[in-house]
């Protein structure tokens, strides 16, 4: 954790719970900069199954999410379906070769 409640993903670290109902406050950032040099294409693999996700950049795991949930009228419910959103935070971005495949388990 850094001084401003920013946590850095550590594959061998302690699993922590974040959220408004008894969880930690703050946010998590990727473990390392696995991106290629400016002007080179990057490969992003995002595996999502059963409420858990693995985010890989150029073959390196940079983030994991376990037991994703959302707050609804029924309370906290597992987040196991929804829309896919491709985005960039404050910069122009280009996509190519997007593939979506069904999986039966996380790799």
PDB file of N, CA and C in Angstrom:
ATOM      1  N   UNK A   1       0.852  -1.188   0.000  1.00  0.00           N
ATOM      2  CA  UNK A   1       0.000   0.000   0.000  1.00  0.00           C
ATOM      3  C   UNK A   1       0.887   1.237   0.000  1.00  0.00           C
ATOM      4  N   UNK A   2       0.470   2.264  -0.712  1.00  0.00           N
ATOM      5  CA  UNK A   2       1.158   3.540  -0.681  1.00  0.00           C
ATOM      6  C   UNK A   2       0.461   4.430   0.336  1.00  0.00           C
ATOM      7  N   UNK A   3       0.954   5.616   0.542  1.00  0.00           N
ATOM      8  CA  UNK A   3       0.430   6.509   1.581  1.00  0.00           C
ATOM      9  C   UNK A   3      -1.002   6.963   1.344  1.00  0.00           C
ATOM     10  N   UNK A   4      -1.468   6.983   0.092  1.00  0.00           N
ATOM     11  CA  UNK A   4      -2.798   7.521  -0.212  1.00  0.00           C
ATOM     12  C   UNK A   4      -3.861   6.443  -0.402  1.00  0.00           C
ATOM     13  N   UNK A   5      -3.728   5.300   0.247  1.00  0.00           N
ATOM     14  CA  UNK A   5      -4.682   4.184   0.146  1.00  0.00           C
ATOM     15  C   UNK A   5      -4.711   3.569  -1.244  1.00  0.00           C
ATOM     16  N   UNK A   6      -3.623   3.663  -1.952  1.00  0.00           N
ATOM     17  CA  UNK A   6      -3.488   2.988  -3.241  1.00  0.00           C
ATOM     18  C   UNK A   6      -2.712   1.705  -3.003  1.00  0.00           C
ATOM     19  N   UNK A   7      -3.305   0.594  -3.376  1.00  0.00           N
ATOM     20  CA  UNK A   7      -2.674  -0.700  -3.202  1.00  0.00           C
ATOM     21  C   UNK A   7      -2.089  -1.156  -4.533  1.00  0.00           C
ATOM     22  N   UNK A   8      -0.955  -1.831  -4.482  1.00  0.00           N
ATOM     23  CA  UNK A   8      -0.310  -2.355  -5.680  1.00  0.00           C
ATOM     24  C   UNK A   8      -0.491  -3.869  -5.679  1.00  0.00           C
ATOM     25  N   UNK A   9      -1.005  -4.411  -6.777  1.00  0.00           N
ATOM     26  CA  UNK A   9      -1.253  -5.843  -6.864  1.00  0.00           C
ATOM     27  C   UNK A   9       0.046  -6.620  -6.664  1.00  0.00           C
ATOM     28  N   UNK A  10      -0.021  -7.643  -5.808  1.00  0.00           N
ATOM     29  CA  UNK A  10       1.111  -8.535  -5.545  1.00  0.00           C
ATOM     30  C   UNK A  10       0.572  -9.956  -5.619  1.00  0.00           C
ATOM     31  N   UNK A  11       1.029 -10.722  -6.622  1.00  0.00           N
ATOM     32  CA  UNK A  11       0.516 -12.077  -6.839  1.00  0.00           C
ATOM     33  C   UNK A  11       0.651 -12.956  -5.594  1.00  0.00           C
ATOM     34  N   UNK A  12       1.656 -12.731  -4.776  1.00  0.00           N
ATOM     35  CA  UNK A  12       1.871 -13.523  -3.567  1.00  0.00           C
ATOM     36  C   UNK A  12       1.387 -12.817  -2.305  1.00  0.00           C
ATOM     37  N   UNK A  13       0.672 -11.717  -2.472  1.00  0.00           N
ATOM     38  CA  UNK A  13       0.215 -10.931  -1.336  1.00  0.00           C
ATOM     39  C   UNK A  13      -1.024 -11.503  -0.673  1.00  0.00           C
ATOM     40  N   UNK A  14      -1.452 -10.824   0.373  1.00  0.00           N
ATOM     41  CA  UNK A  14      -2.645 -11.192   1.126  1.00  0.00           C
ATOM     42  C   UNK A  14      -3.881 -10.779   0.329  1.00  0.00           C
ATOM     43  N   UNK A  15      -4.892 -11.639   0.259  1.00  0.00           N
ATOM     44  CA  UNK A  15      -6.156 -11.292  -0.391  1.00  0.00           C
ATOM     45  C   UNK A  15      -6.875 -10.298   0.512  1.00  0.00           C
ATOM     46  N   UNK A  16      -7.293  -9.177  -0.045  1.00  0.00           N
ATOM     47  CA  UNK A  16      -7.964  -8.120   0.724  1.00  0.00           C
ATOM     48  C   UNK A  16      -9.344  -7.847   0.136  1.00  0.00           C
ATOM     49  N   UNK A  17     -10.274  -7.460   0.993  1.00  0.00           N
ATOM     50  CA  UNK A  17     -11.639  -7.144   0.582  1.00  0.00           C
ATOM     51  C   UNK A  17     -11.795  -5.630   0.499  1.00  0.00           C
ATOM     52  N   UNK A  18     -12.282  -5.135  -0.649  1.00  0.00           N
ATOM     53  CA  UNK A  18     -12.529  -3.719  -0.856  1.00  0.00           C
ATOM     54  C   UNK A  18     -14.020  -3.508  -1.057  1.00  0.00           C
ATOM     55  N   UNK A  19     -14.542  -2.428  -0.548  1.00  0.00           N
ATOM     56  CA  UNK A  19     -15.939  -2.110  -0.779  1.00  0.00           C
ATOM     57  C   UNK A  19     -16.505  -1.237   0.309  1.00  0.00           C
ATOM     58  N   UNK A  20     -17.689  -0.699   0.073  1.00  0.00           N
ATOM     59  CA  UNK A  20     -18.294   0.238   1.016  1.00  0.00           C
ATOM     60  C   UNK A  20     -18.856  -0.421   2.271  1.00  0.00           C
ATOM     61  N   UNK A  21     -19.020  -1.726   2.280  1.00  0.00           N
ATOM     62  CA  UNK A  21     -19.660  -2.392   3.413  1.00  0.00           C
ATOM     63  C   UNK A  21     -18.659  -3.246   4.174  1.00  0.00           C
ATOM     64  N   UNK A  22     -17.773  -2.603   4.909  1.00  0.00           N
ATOM     65  CA  UNK A  22     -16.810  -3.320   5.723  1.00  0.00           C
ATOM     66  C   UNK A  22     -15.496  -3.611   5.040  1.00  0.00           C
ATOM     67  N   UNK A  23     -15.338  -3.196   3.801  1.00  0.00           N
ATOM     68  CA  UNK A  23     -14.093  -3.443   3.085  1.00  0.00           C
ATOM     69  C   UNK A  23     -13.150  -2.267   3.192  1.00  0.00           C
ATOM     70  N   UNK A  24     -11.973  -2.418   2.631  1.00  0.00           N
ATOM     71  CA  UNK A  24     -10.985  -1.358   2.609  1.00  0.00           C
ATOM     72  C   UNK A  24     -11.410  -0.262   1.645  1.00  0.00           C
ATOM     73  N   UNK A  25     -10.979   0.939   1.917  1.00  0.00           N
ATOM     74  CA  UNK A  25     -11.204   2.070   1.008  1.00  0.00           C
ATOM     75  C   UNK A  25      -9.942   2.239   0.162  1.00  0.00           C
ATOM     76  N   UNK A  26     -10.086   2.822  -0.994  1.00  0.00           N
ATOM     77  CA  UNK A  26      -8.939   3.056  -1.850  1.00  0.00           C
ATOM     78  C   UNK A  26      -9.102   2.331  -3.157  1.00  0.00           C
ATOM     79  N   UNK A  27      -8.002   2.144  -3.859  1.00  0.00           N
ATOM     80  CA  UNK A  27      -8.043   1.439  -5.125  1.00  0.00           C
ATOM     81  C   UNK A  27      -6.750   0.666  -5.326  1.00  0.00           C
ATOM     82  N   UNK A  28      -6.776  -0.234  -6.311  1.00  0.00           N
ATOM     83  CA  UNK A  28      -5.640  -1.097  -6.583  1.00  0.00           C
ATOM     84  C   UNK A  28      -5.116  -0.770  -7.974  1.00  0.00           C
ATOM     85  N   UNK A  29      -3.798  -0.728  -8.104  1.00  0.00           N
ATOM     86  CA  UNK A  29      -3.198  -0.519  -9.407  1.00  0.00           C
ATOM     87  C   UNK A  29      -2.430  -1.761  -9.834  1.00  0.00           C
ATOM     88  N   UNK A  30      -2.098  -1.851 -11.103  1.00  0.00           N
ATOM     89  CA  UNK A  30      -1.404  -3.019 -11.636  1.00  0.00           C
ATOM     90  C   UNK A  30      -0.063  -3.226 -10.940  1.00  0.00           C
ATOM     91  N   UNK A  31       0.425  -4.454 -11.003  1.00  0.00           N
ATOM     92  CA  UNK A  31       1.647  -4.799 -10.295  1.00  0.00           C
ATOM     93  C   UNK A  31       2.898  -4.267 -10.965  1.00  0.00           C
ATOM     94  N   UNK A  32       2.880  -4.160 -12.270  1.00  0.00           N
ATOM     95  CA  UNK A  32       4.070  -3.722 -12.992  1.00  0.00           C
ATOM     96  C   UNK A  32       3.658  -3.133 -14.322  1.00  0.00           C
ATOM     97  N   UNK A  33       4.571  -2.459 -14.965  1.00  0.00           N
ATOM     98  CA  UNK A  33       4.304  -1.938 -16.294  1.00  0.00           C
ATOM     99  C   UNK A  33       4.777  -2.978 -17.297  1.00  0.00           C
ATOM    100  N   UNK A  34       3.856  -3.771 -17.800  1.00  0.00           N
ATOM    101  CA  UNK A  34       4.184  -4.844 -18.741  1.00  0.00           C
ATOM    102  C   UNK A  34       3.938  -4.427 -20.185  1.00  0.00           C
ATOM    103  N   UNK A  35       3.675  -3.139 -20.395  1.00  0.00           N
ATOM    104  CA  UNK A  35       3.345  -2.661 -21.735  1.00  0.00           C
ATOM    105  C   UNK A  35       4.599  -2.531 -22.597  1.00  0.00           C
ATOM    106  N   UNK A  36       4.406  -2.678 -23.900  1.00  0.00           N
ATOM    107  CA  UNK A  36       5.488  -2.497 -24.855  1.00  0.00           C
ATOM    108  C   UNK A  36       5.808  -1.014 -25.010  1.00  0.00           C
ATOM    109  N   UNK A  37       6.885  -0.719 -25.727  1.00  0.00           N
ATOM    110  CA  UNK A  37       7.284   0.662 -25.971  1.00  0.00           C
ATOM    111  C   UNK A  37       6.205   1.404 -26.745  1.00  0.00           C
ATOM    112  N   UNK A  38       6.184   2.725 -26.618  1.00  0.00           N
ATOM    113  CA  UNK A  38       5.211   3.556 -27.331  1.00  0.00           C
ATOM    114  C   UNK A  38       5.299   3.265 -28.817  1.00  0.00           C
ATOM    115  N   UNK A  39       4.140   3.075 -29.444  1.00  0.00           N
ATOM    116  CA  UNK A  39       4.078   2.788 -30.863  1.00  0.00           C
ATOM    117  C   UNK A  39       3.991   1.308 -31.191  1.00  0.00           C
ATOM    118  N   UNK A  40       4.257   0.445 -30.211  1.00  0.00           N
ATOM    119  CA  UNK A  40       4.146  -1.001 -30.410  1.00  0.00           C
ATOM    120  C   UNK A  40       2.815  -1.481 -29.847  1.00  0.00           C
ATOM    121  N   UNK A  41       2.248  -2.512 -30.487  1.00  0.00           N
ATOM    122  CA  UNK A  41       0.995  -3.079 -30.021  1.00  0.00           C
ATOM    123  C   UNK A  41       1.209  -3.895 -28.751  1.00  0.00           C
ATOM    124  N   UNK A  42       0.213  -3.883 -27.890  1.00  0.00           N
ATOM    125  CA  UNK A  42       0.183  -4.715 -26.686  1.00  0.00           C
ATOM    126  C   UNK A  42      -0.887  -5.774 -26.845  1.00  0.00           C
ATOM    127  N   UNK A  43      -0.717  -6.886 -26.157  1.00  0.00           N
ATOM    128  CA  UNK A  43      -1.732  -7.935 -26.130  1.00  0.00           C
ATOM    129  C   UNK A  43      -2.343  -7.961 -24.740  1.00  0.00           C
ATOM    130  N   UNK A  44      -3.664  -7.851 -24.675  1.00  0.00           N
ATOM    131  CA  UNK A  44      -4.390  -7.890 -23.412  1.00  0.00           C
ATOM    132  C   UNK A  44      -5.241  -9.148 -23.394  1.00  0.00           C
ATOM    133  N   UNK A  45      -5.111  -9.948 -22.347  1.00  0.00           N
ATOM    134  CA  UNK A  45      -5.979 -11.105 -22.139  1.00  0.00           C
ATOM    135  C   UNK A  45      -6.736 -10.864 -20.846  1.00  0.00           C
ATOM    136  N   UNK A  46      -8.049 -10.930 -20.920  1.00  0.00           N
ATOM    137  CA  UNK A  46      -8.882 -10.790 -19.734  1.00  0.00           C
ATOM    138  C   UNK A  46      -9.737 -12.039 -19.638  1.00  0.00           C
ATOM    139  N   UNK A  47      -9.502 -12.804 -18.582  1.00  0.00           N
ATOM    140  CA  UNK A  47     -10.265 -14.018 -18.327  1.00  0.00           C
ATOM    141  C   UNK A  47     -11.224 -13.724 -17.183  1.00  0.00           C
ATOM    142  N   UNK A  48     -12.502 -13.982 -17.404  1.00  0.00           N
ATOM    143  CA  UNK A  48     -13.506 -13.768 -16.368  1.00  0.00           C
ATOM    144  C   UNK A  48     -14.393 -14.991 -16.293  1.00  0.00           C
ATOM    145  N   UNK A  49     -14.522 -15.540 -15.083  1.00  0.00           N
ATOM    146  CA  UNK A  49     -15.345 -16.726 -14.897  1.00  0.00           C
ATOM    147  C   UNK A  49     -15.773 -16.811 -13.441  1.00  0.00           C
ATOM    148  N   UNK A  50     -17.059 -17.038 -13.214  1.00  0.00           N
ATOM    149  CA  UNK A  50     -17.567 -17.271 -11.866  1.00  0.00           C
ATOM    150  C   UNK A  50     -17.285 -16.166 -10.869  1.00  0.00           C
ATOM    151  N   UNK A  51     -17.277 -14.914 -11.303  1.00  0.00           N
ATOM    152  CA  UNK A  51     -17.060 -13.814 -10.374  1.00  0.00           C
ATOM    153  C   UNK A  51     -15.597 -13.500 -10.105  1.00  0.00           C
ATOM    154  N   UNK A  52     -14.687 -14.173 -10.793  1.00  0.00           N
ATOM    155  CA  UNK A  52     -13.259 -13.891 -10.652  1.00  0.00           C
ATOM    156  C   UNK A  52     -12.684 -13.525 -12.014  1.00  0.00           C
ATOM    157  N   UNK A  53     -11.620 -12.721 -12.020  1.00  0.00           N
ATOM    158  CA  UNK A  53     -11.002 -12.284 -13.269  1.00  0.00           C
ATOM    159  C   UNK A  53      -9.488 -12.276 -13.151  1.00  0.00           C
ATOM    160  N   UNK A  54      -8.832 -12.489 -14.277  1.00  0.00           N
ATOM    161  CA  UNK A  54      -7.380 -12.372 -14.382  1.00  0.00           C
ATOM    162  C   UNK A  54      -7.102 -11.415 -15.538  1.00  0.00           C
ATOM    163  N   UNK A  55      -6.284 -10.401 -15.292  1.00  0.00           N
ATOM    164  CA  UNK A  55      -5.941  -9.391 -16.289  1.00  0.00           C
ATOM    165  C   UNK A  55      -4.468  -9.566 -16.632  1.00  0.00           C
ATOM    166  N   UNK A  56      -4.191  -9.860 -17.910  1.00  0.00           N
ATOM    167  CA  UNK A  56      -2.818 -10.082 -18.358  1.00  0.00           C
ATOM    168  C   UNK A  56      -2.459  -9.070 -19.448  1.00  0.00           C
ATOM    169  N   UNK A  57      -1.236  -8.558 -19.383  1.00  0.00           N
ATOM    170  CA  UNK A  57      -0.707  -7.671 -20.410  1.00  0.00           C
ATOM    171  C   UNK A  57       0.565  -8.306 -20.949  1.00  0.00           C
ATOM    172  N   UNK A  58       0.575  -8.578 -22.245  1.00  0.00           N
ATOM    173  CA  UNK A  58       1.728  -9.194 -22.902  1.00  0.00           C
ATOM    174  C   UNK A  58       2.216 -10.443 -22.161  1.00  0.00           C
ATOM    175  N   UNK A  59       1.250 -11.273 -21.730  1.00  0.00           N
ATOM    176  CA  UNK A  59       1.573 -12.553 -21.100  1.00  0.00           C
ATOM    177  C   UNK A  59       1.900 -12.496 -19.619  1.00  0.00           C
ATOM    178  N   UNK A  60       1.841 -11.309 -18.997  1.00  0.00           N
ATOM    179  CA  UNK A  60       2.159 -11.179 -17.568  1.00  0.00           C
ATOM    180  C   UNK A  60       0.898 -10.818 -16.788  1.00  0.00           C
ATOM    181  N   UNK A  61       0.643 -11.532 -15.704  1.00  0.00           N
ATOM    182  CA  UNK A  61      -0.512 -11.210 -14.851  1.00  0.00           C
ATOM    183  C   UNK A  61      -0.217  -9.914 -14.116  1.00  0.00           C
ATOM    184  N   UNK A  62      -1.094  -8.925 -14.296  1.00  0.00           N
ATOM    185  CA  UNK A  62      -0.903  -7.636 -13.632  1.00  0.00           C
ATOM    186  C   UNK A  62      -2.010  -7.345 -12.611  1.00  0.00           C
ATOM    187  N   UNK A  63      -3.083  -8.170 -12.603  1.00  0.00           N
ATOM    188  CA  UNK A  63      -4.170  -7.950 -11.640  1.00  0.00           C
ATOM    189  C   UNK A  63      -5.062  -9.180 -11.592  1.00  0.00           C
ATOM    190  N   UNK A  64      -5.598  -9.462 -10.397  1.00  0.00           N
ATOM    191  CA  UNK A  64      -6.607 -10.511 -10.204  1.00  0.00           C
ATOM    192  C   UNK A  64      -7.750  -9.939  -9.383  1.00  0.00           C
ATOM    193  N   UNK A  65      -8.930 -10.425  -9.661  1.00  0.00           N
ATOM    194  CA  UNK A  65     -10.118 -10.040  -8.902  1.00  0.00           C
ATOM    195  C   UNK A  65     -10.829 -11.315  -8.492  1.00  0.00           C
ATOM    196  N   UNK A  66     -11.114 -11.435  -7.203  1.00  0.00           N
ATOM    197  CA  UNK A  66     -11.819 -12.602  -6.690  1.00  0.00           C
ATOM    198  C   UNK A  66     -13.181 -12.174  -6.146  1.00  0.00           C
ATOM    199  N   UNK A  67     -14.202 -12.959  -6.413  1.00  0.00           N
ATOM    200  CA  UNK A  67     -15.539 -12.783  -5.822  1.00  0.00           C
ATOM    201  C   UNK A  67     -16.108 -11.380  -6.068  1.00  0.00           C
ATOM    202  N   UNK A  68     -16.120 -10.935  -7.316  1.00  0.00           N
ATOM    203  CA  UNK A  68     -16.690  -9.618  -7.594  1.00  0.00           C
ATOM    204  C   UNK A  68     -18.176  -9.627  -7.264  1.00  0.00           C
ATOM    205  N   UNK A  69     -18.629  -8.538  -6.672  1.00  0.00           N
ATOM    206  CA  UNK A  69     -20.019  -8.410  -6.242  1.00  0.00           C
ATOM    207  C   UNK A  69     -20.502  -7.003  -6.539  1.00  0.00           C
ATOM    208  N   UNK A  70     -21.813  -6.875  -6.592  1.00  0.00           N
ATOM    209  CA  UNK A  70     -22.416  -5.558  -6.749  1.00  0.00           C
ATOM    210  C   UNK A  70     -23.515  -5.391  -5.722  1.00  0.00           C
ATOM    211  N   UNK A  71     -23.748  -4.152  -5.344  1.00  0.00           N
ATOM    212  CA  UNK A  71     -24.794  -3.849  -4.381  1.00  0.00           C
ATOM    213  C   UNK A  71     -26.115  -3.684  -5.118  1.00  0.00           C
ATOM    214  N   UNK A  72     -27.124  -4.435  -4.697  1.00  0.00           N
ATOM    215  CA  UNK A  72     -28.454  -4.329  -5.293  1.00  0.00           C
ATOM    216  C   UNK A  72     -29.469  -4.232  -4.167  1.00  0.00           C
ATOM    217  N   UNK A  73     -30.733  -4.169  -4.526  1.00  0.00           N
ATOM    218  CA  UNK A  73     -31.776  -4.109  -3.496  1.00  0.00           C
ATOM    219  C   UNK A  73     -31.768  -5.356  -2.626  1.00  0.00           C
ATOM    220  N   UNK A  74     -31.299  -6.468  -3.177  1.00  0.00           N
ATOM    221  CA  UNK A  74     -31.239  -7.728  -2.428  1.00  0.00           C
ATOM    222  C   UNK A  74     -29.981  -7.823  -1.566  1.00  0.00           C
ATOM    223  N   UNK A  75     -29.116  -6.813  -1.618  1.00  0.00           N
ATOM    224  CA  UNK A  75     -27.847  -6.848  -0.890  1.00  0.00           C
ATOM    225  C   UNK A  75     -26.700  -7.084  -1.862  1.00  0.00           C
ATOM    226  N   UNK A  76     -25.617  -7.651  -1.373  1.00  0.00           N
ATOM    227  CA  UNK A  76     -24.476  -7.946  -2.242  1.00  0.00           C
ATOM    228  C   UNK A  76     -24.751  -9.220  -3.028  1.00  0.00           C
ATOM    229  N   UNK A  77     -24.675  -9.126  -4.337  1.00  0.00           N
ATOM    230  CA  UNK A  77     -24.889 -10.293  -5.184  1.00  0.00           C
ATOM    231  C   UNK A  77     -23.664 -10.487  -6.081  1.00  0.00           C
ATOM    232  N   UNK A  78     -23.404 -11.734  -6.433  1.00  0.00           N
ATOM    233  CA  UNK A  78     -22.256 -12.056  -7.277  1.00  0.00           C
ATOM    234  C   UNK A  78     -22.395 -11.372  -8.624  1.00  0.00           C
ATOM    235  N   UNK A  79     -21.316 -10.815  -9.113  1.00  0.00           N
ATOM    236  CA  UNK A  79     -21.288 -10.170 -10.416  1.00  0.00           C
ATOM    237  C   UNK A  79     -20.737 -11.181 -11.411  1.00  0.00           C
ATOM    238  N   UNK A  80     -21.637 -11.888 -12.075  1.00  0.00           N
ATOM    239  CA  UNK A  80     -21.230 -12.985 -12.968  1.00  0.00           C
ATOM    240  C   UNK A  80     -21.671 -12.778 -14.418  1.00  0.00           C
ATOM    241  N   UNK A  81     -22.308 -11.655 -14.720  1.00  0.00           N
ATOM    242  CA  UNK A  81     -22.685 -11.351 -16.088  1.00  0.00           C
ATOM    243  C   UNK A  81     -22.784  -9.847 -16.242  1.00  0.00           C
ATOM    244  N   UNK A  82     -22.740  -9.388 -17.481  1.00  0.00           N
ATOM    245  CA  UNK A  82     -22.855  -7.962 -17.730  1.00  0.00           C
ATOM    246  C   UNK A  82     -22.248  -7.587 -19.060  1.00  0.00           C
ATOM    247  N   UNK A  83     -22.094  -6.312 -19.266  1.00  0.00           N
ATOM    248  CA  UNK A  83     -21.566  -5.780 -20.519  1.00  0.00           C
ATOM    249  C   UNK A  83     -20.048  -5.747 -20.496  1.00  0.00           C
ATOM    250  N   UNK A  84     -19.478  -5.744 -21.674  1.00  0.00           N
ATOM    251  CA  UNK A  84     -18.037  -5.582 -21.842  1.00  0.00           C
ATOM    252  C   UNK A  84     -17.804  -4.146 -22.292  1.00  0.00           C
ATOM    253  N   UNK A  85     -16.934  -3.434 -21.605  1.00  0.00           N
ATOM    254  CA  UNK A  85     -16.641  -2.056 -21.962  1.00  0.00           C
ATOM    255  C   UNK A  85     -15.148  -1.916 -22.220  1.00  0.00           C
ATOM    256  N   UNK A  86     -14.802  -1.400 -23.397  1.00  0.00           N
ATOM    257  CA  UNK A  86     -13.417  -1.112 -23.737  1.00  0.00           C
ATOM    258  C   UNK A  86     -13.215   0.379 -23.546  1.00  0.00           C
ATOM    259  N   UNK A  87     -12.191   0.758 -22.790  1.00  0.00           N
ATOM    260  CA  UNK A  87     -12.025   2.172 -22.489  1.00  0.00           C
ATOM    261  C   UNK A  87     -10.562   2.538 -22.320  1.00  0.00           C
ATOM    262  N   UNK A  88     -10.318   3.816 -22.302  1.00  0.00           N
ATOM    263  CA  UNK A  88      -9.013   4.373 -22.001  1.00  0.00           C
ATOM    264  C   UNK A  88      -9.232   5.495 -21.000  1.00  0.00           C
ATOM    265  N   UNK A  89      -8.294   5.689 -20.122  1.00  0.00           N
ATOM    266  CA  UNK A  89      -8.422   6.756 -19.130  1.00  0.00           C
ATOM    267  C   UNK A  89      -7.542   7.928 -19.528  1.00  0.00           C
ATOM    268  N   UNK A  90      -8.133   8.878 -20.229  1.00  0.00           N
ATOM    269  CA  UNK A  90      -7.452  10.118 -20.537  1.00  0.00           C
ATOM    270  C   UNK A  90      -6.494  10.078 -21.714  1.00  0.00           C
ATOM    271  N   UNK A  91      -6.565   9.064 -22.549  1.00  0.00           N
ATOM    272  CA  UNK A  91      -5.662   8.998 -23.701  1.00  0.00           C
ATOM    273  C   UNK A  91      -6.372   8.313 -24.870  1.00  0.00           C
ATOM    274  N   UNK A  92      -5.916   8.619 -26.073  1.00  0.00           N
ATOM    275  CA  UNK A  92      -6.446   7.967 -27.255  1.00  0.00           C
ATOM    276  C   UNK A  92      -5.990   6.513 -27.246  1.00  0.00           C
ATOM    277  N   UNK A  93      -6.868   5.627 -27.720  1.00  0.00           N
ATOM    278  CA  UNK A  93      -6.528   4.200 -27.730  1.00  0.00           C
ATOM    279  C   UNK A  93      -7.090   3.565 -28.993  1.00  0.00           C
ATOM    280  N   UNK A  94      -6.400   2.570 -29.507  1.00  0.00           N
ATOM    281  CA  UNK A  94      -6.830   1.842 -30.685  1.00  0.00           C
ATOM    282  C   UNK A  94      -6.895   0.362 -30.340  1.00  0.00           C
ATOM    283  N   UNK A  95      -7.875  -0.340 -30.906  1.00  0.00           N
ATOM    284  CA  UNK A  95      -8.043  -1.769 -30.700  1.00  0.00           C
ATOM    285  C   UNK A  95      -8.005  -2.471 -32.039  1.00  0.00           C
ATOM    286  N   UNK A  96      -7.499  -3.698 -32.051  1.00  0.00           N
ATOM    287  CA  UNK A  96      -7.544  -4.527 -33.259  1.00  0.00           C
ATOM    288  C   UNK A  96      -7.565  -5.985 -32.821  1.00  0.00           C
ATOM    289  N   UNK A  97      -8.103  -6.841 -33.660  1.00  0.00           N
ATOM    290  CA  UNK A  97      -8.072  -8.283 -33.402  1.00  0.00           C
ATOM    291  C   UNK A  97      -8.787  -8.702 -32.131  1.00  0.00           C
ATOM    292  N   UNK A  98      -9.910  -8.094 -31.826  1.00  0.00           N
ATOM    293  CA  UNK A  98     -10.647  -8.438 -30.602  1.00  0.00           C
ATOM    294  C   UNK A  98     -11.326  -9.786 -30.790  1.00  0.00           C
ATOM    295  N   UNK A  99     -11.123 -10.692 -29.848  1.00  0.00           N
ATOM    296  CA  UNK A  99     -11.749 -12.022 -29.863  1.00  0.00           C
ATOM    297  C   UNK A  99     -12.439 -12.248 -28.526  1.00  0.00           C
ATOM    298  N   UNK A 100     -13.638 -12.803 -28.579  1.00  0.00           N
ATOM    299  CA  UNK A 100     -14.372 -13.172 -27.365  1.00  0.00           C
ATOM    300  C   UNK A 100     -14.672 -14.659 -27.445  1.00  0.00           C
ATOM    301  N   UNK A 101     -14.288 -15.384 -26.395  1.00  0.00           N
ATOM    302  CA  UNK A 101     -14.501 -16.827 -26.371  1.00  0.00           C
ATOM    303  C   UNK A 101     -15.082 -17.235 -25.030  1.00  0.00           C
ATOM    304  N   UNK A 102     -15.930 -18.245 -25.042  1.00  0.00           N
ATOM    305  CA  UNK A 102     -16.447 -18.818 -23.794  1.00  0.00           C
ATOM    306  C   UNK A 102     -15.379 -19.695 -23.158  1.00  0.00           C
ATOM    307  N   UNK A 103     -15.325 -19.698 -21.822  1.00  0.00           N
ATOM    308  CA  UNK A 103     -14.415 -20.588 -21.091  1.00  0.00           C
ATOM    309  C   UNK A 103     -15.203 -21.314 -20.012  1.00  0.00           C
ATOM    310  N   UNK A 104     -14.678 -22.426 -19.537  1.00  0.00           N
ATOM    311  CA  UNK A 104     -15.352 -23.202 -18.504  1.00  0.00           C
ATOM    312  C   UNK A 104     -14.619 -23.139 -17.160  1.00  0.00           C
ATOM    313  N   UNK A 105     -13.446 -22.497 -17.156  1.00  0.00           N
ATOM    314  CA  UNK A 105     -12.689 -22.294 -15.912  1.00  0.00           C
ATOM    315  C   UNK A 105     -11.599 -21.261 -16.182  1.00  0.00           C
ATOM    316  N   UNK A 106     -11.054 -20.699 -15.118  1.00  0.00           N
ATOM    317  CA  UNK A 106      -9.930 -19.780 -15.267  1.00  0.00           C
ATOM    318  C   UNK A 106      -8.676 -20.577 -15.592  1.00  0.00           C
ATOM    319  N   UNK A 107      -7.800 -20.040 -16.427  1.00  0.00           N
ATOM    320  CA  UNK A 107      -6.568 -20.767 -16.765  1.00  0.00           C
ATOM    321  C   UNK A 107      -5.602 -20.825 -15.569  1.00  0.00           C
TER     322      UNK A 107
END
